[in-house]
Amino acid sequence: MRLAIFDVDGTLIRGKSTEKRFFGWLLRHGYLGPRQWLSAAFFVPRWLPRFGRHVFRKNKAYLNGLPASLVADAARQFVAAMPDSDWNQPLLAALARHKENGDLVVLLSGTLQPVLDRLTDRFGADGCVGTECSVEQGRYTALPPIRHPFHEEKAALLSSICATHGVAAAEVIAYGDSRFDIPLLSKVGRPIAVCPDRKLAAWARAKGPVM
């Protein structure tokens, strides 16, 4: 049995990131008010010294104060409304082949966990690891995420995913589209670059196939 790890944004899903789409969905449906906007604005100067140029990627404070149950329900509606035209069909076919061959399929992405949970159901994956945000007394806080699978952090999660499923890293096939996926792709037995950016394309020409 092998383990196939799929990135989501730019890999399984084309165009804008799922988080940007979900943010827009929350905004259009009236979920985001002054508290959420102010929290997101103050997050940047508060955490810039720690996160530097990645501070905007770490900023999930627009969820501050929202009930976790409400966000989970919003994520369900959001994913249900996503059209099939958003999917990268060759990658969905690759995912289906892995399932047919008896491989385990895990989505590993910086996508918010409630959204990734629903995408896992829709794609028929076996599990997922996404961005876990801080929740206190059932509501999201303005703190940085507890877990954020991005760049080196995504690579660091590989060991725990392999341990959970009893698979060695040499038996892992991983799909990614960005230079930020290189640390993860460097650790697996079969890395596959999907519509790669320039830096990943250069790396992949020497290391692995490109889809």
N, C-alpha and C. Protein backbone atom coordinates (compact mmCIF):
# COMPACT_ATOMS: atom_id res chain seq x y z
N MET A 1 0.84 -1.20 0.00
CA MET A 1 0.00 0.00 0.00
C MET A 1 0.88 1.25 0.00
N ARG A 2 0.51 2.20 -0.85
CA ARG A 2 1.22 3.46 -0.91
C ARG A 2 0.33 4.58 -0.37
N LEU A 3 0.96 5.71 -0.13
CA LEU A 3 0.24 6.88 0.33
C LEU A 3 0.43 8.00 -0.68
N ALA A 4 -0.67 8.57 -1.16
CA ALA A 4 -0.62 9.69 -2.10
C ALA A 4 -1.07 10.95 -1.38
N ILE A 5 -0.21 11.96 -1.38
CA ILE A 5 -0.51 13.23 -0.73
C ILE A 5 -0.73 14.29 -1.80
N PHE A 6 -1.87 14.94 -1.74
CA PHE A 6 -2.23 15.96 -2.72
C PHE A 6 -2.31 17.33 -2.07
N ASP A 7 -1.62 18.30 -2.67
CA ASP A 7 -1.87 19.70 -2.36
C ASP A 7 -3.23 20.05 -2.96
N VAL A 8 -3.81 21.16 -2.54
CA VAL A 8 -5.14 21.54 -3.03
C VAL A 8 -5.07 22.74 -3.97
N ASP A 9 -4.72 23.90 -3.46
CA ASP A 9 -4.73 25.12 -4.27
C ASP A 9 -3.65 25.06 -5.35
N GLY A 10 -4.06 25.23 -6.60
CA GLY A 10 -3.13 25.18 -7.72
C GLY A 10 -2.84 23.76 -8.17
N THR A 11 -3.33 22.78 -7.43
CA THR A 11 -3.08 21.38 -7.76
C THR A 11 -4.40 20.68 -8.09
N LEU A 12 -5.21 20.43 -7.08
CA LEU A 12 -6.55 19.86 -7.33
C LEU A 12 -7.55 20.92 -7.77
N ILE A 13 -7.30 22.15 -7.36
CA ILE A 13 -8.22 23.25 -7.68
C ILE A 13 -7.49 24.34 -8.43
N ARG A 14 -8.06 24.78 -9.52
CA ARG A 14 -7.45 25.82 -10.35
C ARG A 14 -7.85 27.21 -9.85
N GLY A 15 -7.05 28.20 -10.24
CA GLY A 15 -7.41 29.59 -9.99
C GLY A 15 -7.14 30.04 -8.56
N LYS A 16 -7.99 30.95 -8.07
CA LYS A 16 -7.80 31.53 -6.75
C LYS A 16 -7.80 30.47 -5.66
N SER A 17 -7.09 30.76 -4.58
CA SER A 17 -7.02 29.81 -3.48
C SER A 17 -8.40 29.62 -2.86
N THR A 18 -8.59 28.47 -2.23
CA THR A 18 -9.87 28.20 -1.58
C THR A 18 -10.11 29.18 -0.44
N GLU A 19 -9.05 29.61 0.23
CA GLU A 19 -9.25 30.54 1.35
C GLU A 19 -9.75 31.90 0.84
N LYS A 20 -9.19 32.38 -0.25
CA LYS A 20 -9.67 33.65 -0.82
C LYS A 20 -11.13 33.50 -1.26
N ARG A 21 -11.45 32.37 -1.85
CA ARG A 21 -12.85 32.15 -2.28
C ARG A 21 -13.77 32.09 -1.07
N PHE A 22 -13.33 31.39 -0.02
CA PHE A 22 -14.16 31.24 1.16
C PHE A 22 -14.33 32.59 1.88
N PHE A 23 -13.25 33.37 1.93
CA PHE A 23 -13.34 34.71 2.51
C PHE A 23 -14.40 35.53 1.77
N GLY A 24 -14.35 35.48 0.43
CA GLY A 24 -15.34 36.20 -0.36
C GLY A 24 -16.75 35.70 -0.11
N TRP A 25 -16.90 34.40 0.07
CA TRP A 25 -18.22 33.81 0.36
C TRP A 25 -18.73 34.31 1.70
N LEU A 26 -17.87 34.30 2.72
CA LEU A 26 -18.27 34.81 4.04
C LEU A 26 -18.67 36.27 3.96
N LEU A 27 -17.92 37.04 3.19
CA LEU A 27 -18.20 38.47 3.05
C LEU A 27 -19.55 38.69 2.37
N ARG A 28 -19.79 37.99 1.28
CA ARG A 28 -21.04 38.16 0.53
C ARG A 28 -22.25 37.75 1.35
N HIS A 29 -22.09 36.78 2.23
CA HIS A 29 -23.21 36.28 3.01
C HIS A 29 -23.34 36.95 4.38
N GLY A 30 -22.58 38.02 4.60
CA GLY A 30 -22.77 38.83 5.79
C GLY A 30 -22.19 38.29 7.08
N TYR A 31 -21.22 37.38 6.99
CA TYR A 31 -20.62 36.81 8.19
C TYR A 31 -19.54 37.71 8.80
N LEU A 32 -18.96 38.59 8.01
CA LEU A 32 -17.83 39.39 8.46
C LEU A 32 -18.26 40.81 8.79
N GLY A 33 -18.05 41.19 10.05
CA GLY A 33 -18.42 42.52 10.49
C GLY A 33 -17.22 43.31 10.98
N PRO A 34 -17.45 44.43 11.68
CA PRO A 34 -16.35 45.27 12.15
C PRO A 34 -15.34 44.52 13.01
N ARG A 35 -15.82 43.61 13.87
CA ARG A 35 -14.88 42.88 14.73
C ARG A 35 -13.89 42.07 13.91
N GLN A 36 -14.38 41.41 12.87
CA GLN A 36 -13.51 40.57 12.04
C GLN A 36 -12.53 41.43 11.23
N TRP A 37 -13.01 42.55 10.68
CA TRP A 37 -12.14 43.42 9.90
C TRP A 37 -11.03 44.03 10.77
N LEU A 38 -11.40 44.50 11.95
CA LEU A 38 -10.41 45.11 12.84
C LEU A 38 -9.39 44.08 13.33
N SER A 39 -9.86 42.89 13.62
CA SER A 39 -8.95 41.83 14.07
C SER A 39 -7.93 41.50 13.00
N ALA A 40 -8.40 41.41 11.76
CA ALA A 40 -7.50 41.10 10.65
C ALA A 40 -6.50 42.23 10.43
N ALA A 41 -6.96 43.48 10.59
CA ALA A 41 -6.06 44.63 10.40
C ALA A 41 -4.99 44.69 11.47
N PHE A 42 -5.35 44.43 12.71
CA PHE A 42 -4.39 44.51 13.81
C PHE A 42 -3.44 43.31 13.85
N PHE A 43 -3.83 42.22 13.21
CA PHE A 43 -2.98 41.03 13.22
C PHE A 43 -1.63 41.33 12.57
N VAL A 44 -1.64 42.10 11.49
CA VAL A 44 -0.41 42.32 10.71
C VAL A 44 0.68 43.01 11.53
N PRO A 45 0.44 44.19 12.12
CA PRO A 45 1.53 44.80 12.91
C PRO A 45 1.88 44.00 14.16
N ARG A 46 0.87 43.31 14.74
CA ARG A 46 1.13 42.54 15.97
C ARG A 46 2.08 41.37 15.71
N TRP A 47 1.93 40.69 14.58
CA TRP A 47 2.68 39.45 14.34
C TRP A 47 3.73 39.57 13.24
N LEU A 48 3.89 40.77 12.67
CA LEU A 48 4.92 40.96 11.65
C LEU A 48 6.32 40.60 12.13
N PRO A 49 6.73 40.98 13.35
CA PRO A 49 8.08 40.62 13.78
C PRO A 49 8.33 39.11 13.82
N ARG A 50 7.29 38.34 14.08
CA ARG A 50 7.45 36.89 14.16
C ARG A 50 7.41 36.23 12.79
N PHE A 51 6.47 36.64 11.95
CA PHE A 51 6.25 35.94 10.69
C PHE A 51 6.84 36.62 9.47
N GLY A 52 7.25 37.87 9.60
CA GLY A 52 7.85 38.57 8.49
C GLY A 52 6.94 38.62 7.27
N ARG A 53 7.52 38.35 6.10
CA ARG A 53 6.77 38.48 4.85
C ARG A 53 5.64 37.49 4.72
N HIS A 54 5.60 36.46 5.58
CA HIS A 54 4.52 35.48 5.53
C HIS A 54 3.36 35.83 6.46
N VAL A 55 3.39 37.02 7.05
CA VAL A 55 2.37 37.38 8.03
C VAL A 55 0.97 37.35 7.44
N PHE A 56 0.84 37.71 6.16
CA PHE A 56 -0.49 37.73 5.55
C PHE A 56 -1.04 36.31 5.37
N ARG A 57 -0.16 35.36 5.09
CA ARG A 57 -0.58 33.96 4.98
C ARG A 57 -1.05 33.42 6.34
N LYS A 58 -0.45 33.92 7.41
CA LYS A 58 -0.78 33.45 8.76
C LYS A 58 -2.03 34.14 9.32
N ASN A 59 -2.50 35.15 8.65
CA ASN A 59 -3.58 35.97 9.18
C ASN A 59 -4.95 35.31 8.95
N LYS A 60 -5.45 34.68 10.00
CA LYS A 60 -6.80 34.09 9.97
C LYS A 60 -7.72 34.83 10.95
N ALA A 61 -7.28 36.01 11.38
CA ALA A 61 -8.02 36.76 12.40
C ALA A 61 -9.37 37.26 11.90
N TYR A 62 -9.61 37.17 10.58
CA TYR A 62 -10.93 37.56 10.07
C TYR A 62 -12.03 36.61 10.56
N LEU A 63 -11.63 35.50 11.18
CA LEU A 63 -12.61 34.58 11.77
C LEU A 63 -12.90 34.91 13.23
N ASN A 64 -12.19 35.87 13.79
CA ASN A 64 -12.29 36.15 15.22
C ASN A 64 -13.74 36.39 15.67
N GLY A 65 -14.14 35.63 16.70
CA GLY A 65 -15.48 35.80 17.27
C GLY A 65 -16.56 34.95 16.63
N LEU A 66 -16.29 34.39 15.46
CA LEU A 66 -17.30 33.58 14.80
C LEU A 66 -17.39 32.20 15.46
N PRO A 67 -18.60 31.69 15.69
CA PRO A 67 -18.74 30.35 16.26
C PRO A 67 -18.15 29.29 15.31
N ALA A 68 -17.42 28.34 15.87
CA ALA A 68 -16.83 27.29 15.05
C ALA A 68 -17.90 26.50 14.31
N SER A 69 -19.05 26.30 14.95
CA SER A 69 -20.13 25.56 14.30
C SER A 69 -20.68 26.31 13.10
N LEU A 70 -20.74 27.64 13.21
CA LEU A 70 -21.22 28.47 12.09
C LEU A 70 -20.25 28.38 10.91
N VAL A 71 -18.95 28.46 11.19
CA VAL A 71 -17.94 28.39 10.13
C VAL A 71 -17.96 27.01 9.48
N ALA A 72 -18.15 25.97 10.27
CA ALA A 72 -18.22 24.62 9.71
C ALA A 72 -19.41 24.49 8.77
N ASP A 73 -20.55 25.06 9.15
CA ASP A 73 -21.74 24.99 8.29
C ASP A 73 -21.54 25.84 7.04
N ALA A 74 -20.90 27.01 7.20
CA ALA A 74 -20.61 27.86 6.05
C ALA A 74 -19.68 27.14 5.08
N ALA A 75 -18.68 26.42 5.60
CA ALA A 75 -17.75 25.67 4.76
C ALA A 75 -18.48 24.58 3.98
N ARG A 76 -19.43 23.94 4.63
CA ARG A 76 -20.22 22.90 3.94
C ARG A 76 -20.99 23.49 2.77
N GLN A 77 -21.64 24.63 2.99
CA GLN A 77 -22.40 25.28 1.92
C GLN A 77 -21.48 25.77 0.81
N PHE A 78 -20.35 26.34 1.21
CA PHE A 78 -19.39 26.87 0.25
C PHE A 78 -18.87 25.79 -0.69
N VAL A 79 -18.44 24.67 -0.13
CA VAL A 79 -17.89 23.60 -0.96
C VAL A 79 -18.98 22.97 -1.83
N ALA A 80 -20.18 22.84 -1.29
CA ALA A 80 -21.28 22.27 -2.07
C ALA A 80 -21.60 23.13 -3.29
N ALA A 81 -21.35 24.44 -3.18
CA ALA A 81 -21.67 25.36 -4.28
C ALA A 81 -20.54 25.50 -5.29
N MET A 82 -19.36 24.95 -5.01
CA MET A 82 -18.24 25.08 -5.94
C MET A 82 -18.53 24.28 -7.21
N PRO A 83 -18.38 24.89 -8.38
CA PRO A 83 -18.67 24.17 -9.63
C PRO A 83 -17.55 23.21 -10.00
N ASP A 84 -17.91 22.17 -10.75
CA ASP A 84 -16.92 21.19 -11.19
C ASP A 84 -15.84 21.81 -12.07
N SER A 85 -16.16 22.94 -12.69
CA SER A 85 -15.18 23.59 -13.56
C SER A 85 -13.97 24.11 -12.79
N ASP A 86 -14.08 24.21 -11.46
CA ASP A 86 -12.96 24.65 -10.65
C ASP A 86 -11.91 23.55 -10.47
N TRP A 87 -12.29 22.30 -10.70
CA TRP A 87 -11.39 21.19 -10.42
C TRP A 87 -10.39 20.98 -11.55
N ASN A 88 -9.20 20.55 -11.20
CA ASN A 88 -8.19 20.16 -12.18
C ASN A 88 -8.48 18.71 -12.53
N GLN A 89 -9.14 18.49 -13.65
CA GLN A 89 -9.65 17.15 -13.99
C GLN A 89 -8.56 16.09 -14.10
N PRO A 90 -7.39 16.36 -14.71
CA PRO A 90 -6.34 15.33 -14.73
C PRO A 90 -5.89 14.91 -13.34
N LEU A 91 -5.89 15.86 -12.40
CA LEU A 91 -5.50 15.52 -11.03
C LEU A 91 -6.58 14.72 -10.33
N LEU A 92 -7.85 15.04 -10.60
CA LEU A 92 -8.93 14.24 -10.03
C LEU A 92 -8.87 12.82 -10.57
N ALA A 93 -8.51 12.68 -11.84
CA ALA A 93 -8.35 11.34 -12.42
C ALA A 93 -7.21 10.60 -11.76
N ALA A 94 -6.11 11.32 -11.47
CA ALA A 94 -4.99 10.69 -10.78
C ALA A 94 -5.39 10.25 -9.38
N LEU A 95 -6.16 11.08 -8.69
CA LEU A 95 -6.64 10.72 -7.36
C LEU A 95 -7.51 9.47 -7.42
N ALA A 96 -8.39 9.43 -8.42
CA ALA A 96 -9.27 8.26 -8.58
C ALA A 96 -8.46 7.00 -8.85
N ARG A 97 -7.40 7.12 -9.64
CA ARG A 97 -6.56 5.94 -9.93
C ARG A 97 -5.88 5.43 -8.66
N HIS A 98 -5.43 6.35 -7.83
CA HIS A 98 -4.83 5.93 -6.57
C HIS A 98 -5.83 5.14 -5.73
N LYS A 99 -7.06 5.63 -5.68
CA LYS A 99 -8.09 4.93 -4.92
C LYS A 99 -8.36 3.55 -5.50
N GLU A 100 -8.43 3.48 -6.83
CA GLU A 100 -8.68 2.20 -7.49
C GLU A 100 -7.55 1.20 -7.23
N ASN A 101 -6.34 1.71 -7.08
CA ASN A 101 -5.17 0.85 -6.84
C ASN A 101 -4.99 0.49 -5.36
N GLY A 102 -5.90 0.97 -4.52
CA GLY A 102 -5.83 0.66 -3.11
C GLY A 102 -4.90 1.55 -2.31
N ASP A 103 -4.46 2.67 -2.90
CA ASP A 103 -3.60 3.60 -2.18
C ASP A 103 -4.42 4.46 -1.22
N LEU A 104 -3.79 4.91 -0.17
CA LEU A 104 -4.40 5.90 0.72
C LEU A 104 -4.19 7.28 0.12
N VAL A 105 -5.20 8.13 0.21
CA VAL A 105 -5.11 9.49 -0.32
C VAL A 105 -5.37 10.49 0.80
N VAL A 106 -4.41 11.40 0.99
CA VAL A 106 -4.52 12.43 2.02
C VAL A 106 -4.32 13.80 1.38
N LEU A 107 -5.18 14.74 1.71
CA LEU A 107 -5.01 16.13 1.27
C LEU A 107 -4.20 16.86 2.33
N LEU A 108 -3.14 17.53 1.90
CA LEU A 108 -2.29 18.30 2.81
C LEU A 108 -2.20 19.71 2.26
N SER A 109 -2.78 20.66 2.97
CA SER A 109 -2.93 22.00 2.39
C SER A 109 -3.07 23.06 3.48
N GLY A 110 -2.70 24.28 3.14
CA GLY A 110 -2.92 25.42 4.02
C GLY A 110 -4.37 25.86 4.07
N THR A 111 -5.23 25.20 3.32
CA THR A 111 -6.66 25.48 3.35
C THR A 111 -7.21 25.33 4.77
N LEU A 112 -8.15 26.18 5.15
CA LEU A 112 -8.77 26.08 6.46
C LEU A 112 -9.35 24.68 6.67
N GLN A 113 -9.16 24.13 7.86
CA GLN A 113 -9.57 22.75 8.12
C GLN A 113 -11.05 22.49 7.84
N PRO A 114 -11.98 23.38 8.24
CA PRO A 114 -13.39 23.10 7.95
C PRO A 114 -13.68 22.99 6.45
N VAL A 115 -13.00 23.80 5.65
CA VAL A 115 -13.18 23.72 4.20
C VAL A 115 -12.53 22.45 3.66
N LEU A 116 -11.33 22.14 4.16
CA LEU A 116 -10.63 20.95 3.69
C LEU A 116 -11.39 19.68 4.05
N ASP A 117 -12.04 19.65 5.20
CA ASP A 117 -12.85 18.48 5.58
C ASP A 117 -13.92 18.21 4.53
N ARG A 118 -14.56 19.26 4.08
CA ARG A 118 -15.63 19.09 3.08
C ARG A 118 -15.05 18.72 1.70
N LEU A 119 -13.91 19.29 1.35
CA LEU A 119 -13.26 18.92 0.09
C LEU A 119 -12.82 17.46 0.12
N THR A 120 -12.39 16.99 1.27
CA THR A 120 -12.02 15.59 1.42
C THR A 120 -13.20 14.68 1.11
N ASP A 121 -14.36 15.05 1.64
CA ASP A 121 -15.58 14.29 1.34
C ASP A 121 -15.90 14.34 -0.14
N ARG A 122 -15.81 15.52 -0.72
CA ARG A 122 -16.21 15.68 -2.13
C ARG A 122 -15.26 14.95 -3.07
N PHE A 123 -13.96 14.94 -2.75
CA PHE A 123 -12.99 14.28 -3.61
C PHE A 123 -12.85 12.79 -3.31
N GLY A 124 -13.43 12.34 -2.20
CA GLY A 124 -13.32 10.94 -1.85
C GLY A 124 -11.96 10.55 -1.29
N ALA A 125 -11.24 11.50 -0.68
CA ALA A 125 -9.95 11.21 -0.07
C ALA A 125 -10.16 10.49 1.26
N ASP A 126 -9.07 9.92 1.77
CA ASP A 126 -9.15 9.16 3.03
C ASP A 126 -8.91 10.02 4.26
N GLY A 127 -8.34 11.19 4.07
CA GLY A 127 -8.07 12.05 5.21
C GLY A 127 -7.51 13.37 4.75
N CYS A 128 -7.31 14.27 5.71
CA CYS A 128 -6.77 15.59 5.34
C CYS A 128 -6.11 16.23 6.54
N VAL A 129 -5.16 17.11 6.25
CA VAL A 129 -4.50 17.91 7.26
C VAL A 129 -4.45 19.34 6.72
N GLY A 130 -5.18 20.23 7.38
CA GLY A 130 -5.25 21.61 6.93
C GLY A 130 -4.88 22.58 8.03
N THR A 131 -5.23 23.84 7.83
CA THR A 131 -4.93 24.87 8.81
C THR A 131 -5.92 24.83 9.96
N GLU A 132 -5.39 24.60 11.15
CA GLU A 132 -6.21 24.56 12.36
C GLU A 132 -6.05 25.88 13.10
N CYS A 133 -7.15 26.56 13.27
CA CYS A 133 -7.13 27.87 13.93
C CYS A 133 -7.49 27.74 15.41
N SER A 134 -7.11 28.76 16.16
CA SER A 134 -7.36 28.77 17.60
C SER A 134 -8.85 29.01 17.89
N VAL A 135 -9.41 28.15 18.75
CA VAL A 135 -10.81 28.26 19.15
C VAL A 135 -10.88 28.23 20.67
N GLU A 136 -11.63 29.16 21.25
CA GLU A 136 -11.85 29.19 22.69
C GLU A 136 -13.34 29.34 22.95
N GLN A 137 -13.85 28.46 23.80
CA GLN A 137 -15.27 28.46 24.15
C GLN A 137 -16.16 28.46 22.91
N GLY A 138 -15.73 27.67 21.93
CA GLY A 138 -16.55 27.46 20.74
C GLY A 138 -16.47 28.55 19.69
N ARG A 139 -15.60 29.54 19.90
CA ARG A 139 -15.47 30.63 18.94
C ARG A 139 -14.02 30.81 18.52
N TYR A 140 -13.82 31.22 17.28
CA TYR A 140 -12.47 31.47 16.79
C TYR A 140 -11.88 32.70 17.47
N THR A 141 -10.54 32.66 17.64
CA THR A 141 -9.83 33.80 18.21
C THR A 141 -9.00 34.47 17.12
N ALA A 142 -8.32 35.56 17.50
CA ALA A 142 -7.48 36.30 16.54
C ALA A 142 -6.03 35.83 16.58
N LEU A 143 -5.74 34.76 17.30
CA LEU A 143 -4.37 34.28 17.42
C LEU A 143 -3.91 33.60 16.13
N PRO A 144 -2.60 33.46 15.94
CA PRO A 144 -2.10 32.74 14.76
C PRO A 144 -2.59 31.30 14.77
N PRO A 145 -2.63 30.65 13.62
CA PRO A 145 -3.10 29.27 13.57
C PRO A 145 -2.22 28.33 14.39
N ILE A 146 -2.86 27.32 14.96
CA ILE A 146 -2.16 26.30 15.73
C ILE A 146 -1.34 25.42 14.79
N ARG A 147 -1.90 25.15 13.63
CA ARG A 147 -1.22 24.35 12.60
C ARG A 147 -1.47 25.00 11.26
N HIS A 148 -0.40 25.17 10.50
CA HIS A 148 -0.53 25.82 9.19
C HIS A 148 0.39 25.11 8.20
N PRO A 149 -0.12 24.15 7.45
CA PRO A 149 0.71 23.39 6.50
C PRO A 149 1.17 24.26 5.33
N PHE A 150 2.28 24.90 5.53
CA PHE A 150 2.83 25.78 4.50
C PHE A 150 4.35 25.69 4.55
N HIS A 151 4.98 25.49 3.38
CA HIS A 151 6.42 25.47 3.24
C HIS A 151 7.04 24.41 4.15
N GLU A 152 7.97 24.81 5.01
CA GLU A 152 8.67 23.84 5.87
C GLU A 152 7.71 23.13 6.81
N GLU A 153 6.65 23.83 7.22
CA GLU A 153 5.68 23.23 8.13
C GLU A 153 4.97 22.05 7.47
N LYS A 154 4.73 22.16 6.18
CA LYS A 154 4.09 21.06 5.46
C LYS A 154 5.02 19.85 5.44
N ALA A 155 6.30 20.10 5.20
CA ALA A 155 7.27 19.00 5.19
C ALA A 155 7.37 18.35 6.56
N ALA A 156 7.31 19.16 7.62
CA ALA A 156 7.42 18.63 8.98
C ALA A 156 6.25 17.72 9.34
N LEU A 157 5.10 17.94 8.72
CA LEU A 157 3.92 17.13 9.00
C LEU A 157 3.98 15.76 8.33
N LEU A 158 4.90 15.58 7.38
CA LEU A 158 4.98 14.31 6.66
C LEU A 158 5.21 13.14 7.62
N SER A 159 6.10 13.30 8.59
CA SER A 159 6.42 12.19 9.50
C SER A 159 5.20 11.72 10.26
N SER A 160 4.40 12.67 10.78
CA SER A 160 3.22 12.28 11.54
C SER A 160 2.16 11.63 10.66
N ILE A 161 2.03 12.12 9.41
CA ILE A 161 1.07 11.51 8.49
C ILE A 161 1.49 10.08 8.16
N CYS A 162 2.78 9.88 7.90
CA CYS A 162 3.28 8.54 7.60
C CYS A 162 3.09 7.62 8.80
N ALA A 163 3.36 8.12 10.00
CA ALA A 163 3.20 7.31 11.20
C ALA A 163 1.74 6.93 11.42
N THR A 164 0.84 7.87 11.16
CA THR A 164 -0.59 7.60 11.34
C THR A 164 -1.05 6.47 10.44
N HIS A 165 -0.53 6.44 9.22
CA HIS A 165 -1.00 5.45 8.25
C HIS A 165 -0.06 4.26 8.09
N GLY A 166 1.03 4.25 8.85
CA GLY A 166 1.95 3.13 8.80
C GLY A 166 2.65 2.98 7.46
N VAL A 167 3.03 4.11 6.87
CA VAL A 167 3.67 4.11 5.55
C VAL A 167 5.01 4.85 5.66
N ALA A 168 6.03 4.31 5.04
CA ALA A 168 7.33 4.98 5.03
C ALA A 168 7.32 6.11 4.00
N ALA A 169 8.12 7.14 4.24
CA ALA A 169 8.19 8.28 3.31
C ALA A 169 8.60 7.84 1.92
N ALA A 170 9.39 6.77 1.82
CA ALA A 170 9.82 6.27 0.51
C ALA A 170 8.66 5.72 -0.30
N GLU A 171 7.55 5.40 0.37
CA GLU A 171 6.36 4.87 -0.30
C GLU A 171 5.31 5.95 -0.58
N VAL A 172 5.70 7.20 -0.40
CA VAL A 172 4.76 8.31 -0.57
C VAL A 172 4.93 8.95 -1.94
N ILE A 173 3.80 9.21 -2.58
CA ILE A 173 3.76 10.00 -3.80
C ILE A 173 3.12 11.34 -3.43
N ALA A 174 3.76 12.44 -3.76
CA ALA A 174 3.23 13.75 -3.38
C ALA A 174 3.10 14.65 -4.60
N TYR A 175 1.99 15.38 -4.65
CA TYR A 175 1.70 16.30 -5.75
C TYR A 175 1.69 17.73 -5.22
N GLY A 176 2.41 18.63 -5.90
CA GLY A 176 2.42 20.03 -5.50
C GLY A 176 2.65 20.94 -6.70
N ASP A 177 2.35 22.23 -6.53
CA ASP A 177 2.43 23.16 -7.66
C ASP A 177 3.38 24.33 -7.43
N SER A 178 3.89 24.48 -6.21
CA SER A 178 4.60 25.72 -5.85
C SER A 178 5.99 25.45 -5.32
N ARG A 179 6.84 26.47 -5.41
CA ARG A 179 8.17 26.39 -4.81
C ARG A 179 8.09 26.11 -3.32
N PHE A 180 6.96 26.50 -2.71
CA PHE A 180 6.80 26.26 -1.29
C PHE A 180 6.53 24.78 -0.98
N ASP A 181 6.28 23.98 -2.01
CA ASP A 181 6.08 22.55 -1.82
C ASP A 181 7.39 21.76 -1.92
N ILE A 182 8.47 22.41 -2.29
CA ILE A 182 9.74 21.70 -2.49
C ILE A 182 10.23 20.99 -1.23
N PRO A 183 10.14 21.60 -0.04
CA PRO A 183 10.59 20.86 1.16
C PRO A 183 9.84 19.54 1.35
N LEU A 184 8.54 19.53 1.09
CA LEU A 184 7.78 18.28 1.19
C LEU A 184 8.17 17.32 0.08
N LEU A 185 8.19 17.80 -1.16
CA LEU A 185 8.48 16.94 -2.29
C LEU A 185 9.88 16.33 -2.19
N SER A 186 10.78 17.03 -1.53
CA SER A 186 12.15 16.53 -1.38
C SER A 186 12.23 15.32 -0.45
N LYS A 187 11.20 15.11 0.37
CA LYS A 187 11.25 14.06 1.37
C LYS A 187 10.53 12.78 0.96
N VAL A 188 9.80 12.81 -0.15
CA VAL A 188 8.98 11.64 -0.50
C VAL A 188 9.66 10.80 -1.58
N GLY A 189 9.16 9.57 -1.73
CA GLY A 189 9.75 8.66 -2.71
C GLY A 189 9.50 9.08 -4.14
N ARG A 190 8.31 9.64 -4.41
CA ARG A 190 7.97 10.04 -5.78
C ARG A 190 7.30 11.41 -5.78
N PRO A 191 8.05 12.47 -6.03
CA PRO A 191 7.46 13.80 -6.11
C PRO A 191 6.95 14.09 -7.52
N ILE A 192 5.78 14.74 -7.59
CA ILE A 192 5.21 15.09 -8.89
C ILE A 192 4.80 16.56 -8.87
N ALA A 193 5.37 17.34 -9.79
CA ALA A 193 5.04 18.76 -9.90
C ALA A 193 3.85 18.93 -10.84
N VAL A 194 2.88 19.73 -10.40
CA VAL A 194 1.65 19.93 -11.15
C VAL A 194 1.54 21.40 -11.54
N CYS A 195 1.51 21.70 -12.83
CA CYS A 195 1.44 23.10 -13.28
C CYS A 195 2.37 23.96 -12.43
N PRO A 196 3.65 23.62 -12.36
CA PRO A 196 4.55 24.24 -11.38
C PRO A 196 4.92 25.68 -11.71
N ASP A 197 5.21 26.43 -10.64
CA ASP A 197 5.78 27.76 -10.86
C ASP A 197 7.23 27.59 -11.32
N ARG A 198 7.89 28.70 -11.63
CA ARG A 198 9.21 28.62 -12.27
C ARG A 198 10.23 27.86 -11.42
N LYS A 199 10.28 28.17 -10.13
CA LYS A 199 11.29 27.54 -9.27
C LYS A 199 11.03 26.05 -9.11
N LEU A 200 9.77 25.67 -8.93
CA LEU A 200 9.46 24.25 -8.80
C LEU A 200 9.71 23.52 -10.11
N ALA A 201 9.41 24.16 -11.23
CA ALA A 201 9.65 23.54 -12.53
C ALA A 201 11.13 23.22 -12.72
N ALA A 202 11.99 24.17 -12.34
CA ALA A 202 13.43 23.95 -12.46
C ALA A 202 13.88 22.80 -11.57
N TRP A 203 13.34 22.74 -10.37
CA TRP A 203 13.67 21.65 -9.44
C TRP A 203 13.17 20.31 -9.98
N ALA A 204 11.95 20.32 -10.53
CA ALA A 204 11.32 19.08 -10.97
C ALA A 204 12.01 18.49 -12.20
N ARG A 205 12.57 19.34 -13.04
CA ARG A 205 13.25 18.81 -14.23
C ARG A 205 14.39 17.86 -13.85
N ALA A 206 14.97 18.11 -12.69
CA ALA A 206 16.05 17.26 -12.22
C ALA A 206 15.59 16.15 -11.30
N LYS A 207 14.42 16.36 -10.65
CA LYS A 207 14.01 15.44 -9.59
C LYS A 207 12.81 14.56 -9.90
N GLY A 208 11.86 15.03 -10.70
CA GLY A 208 10.64 14.25 -10.84
C GLY A 208 9.80 14.66 -12.03
N PRO A 209 8.75 13.88 -12.30
CA PRO A 209 7.86 14.19 -13.44
C PRO A 209 7.01 15.41 -13.20
N VAL A 210 6.53 15.98 -14.28
CA VAL A 210 5.67 17.15 -14.23
C VAL A 210 4.35 16.80 -14.88
N MET A 211 3.22 17.21 -14.25
CA MET A 211 1.91 16.99 -14.85
C MET A 211 1.36 18.33 -15.32
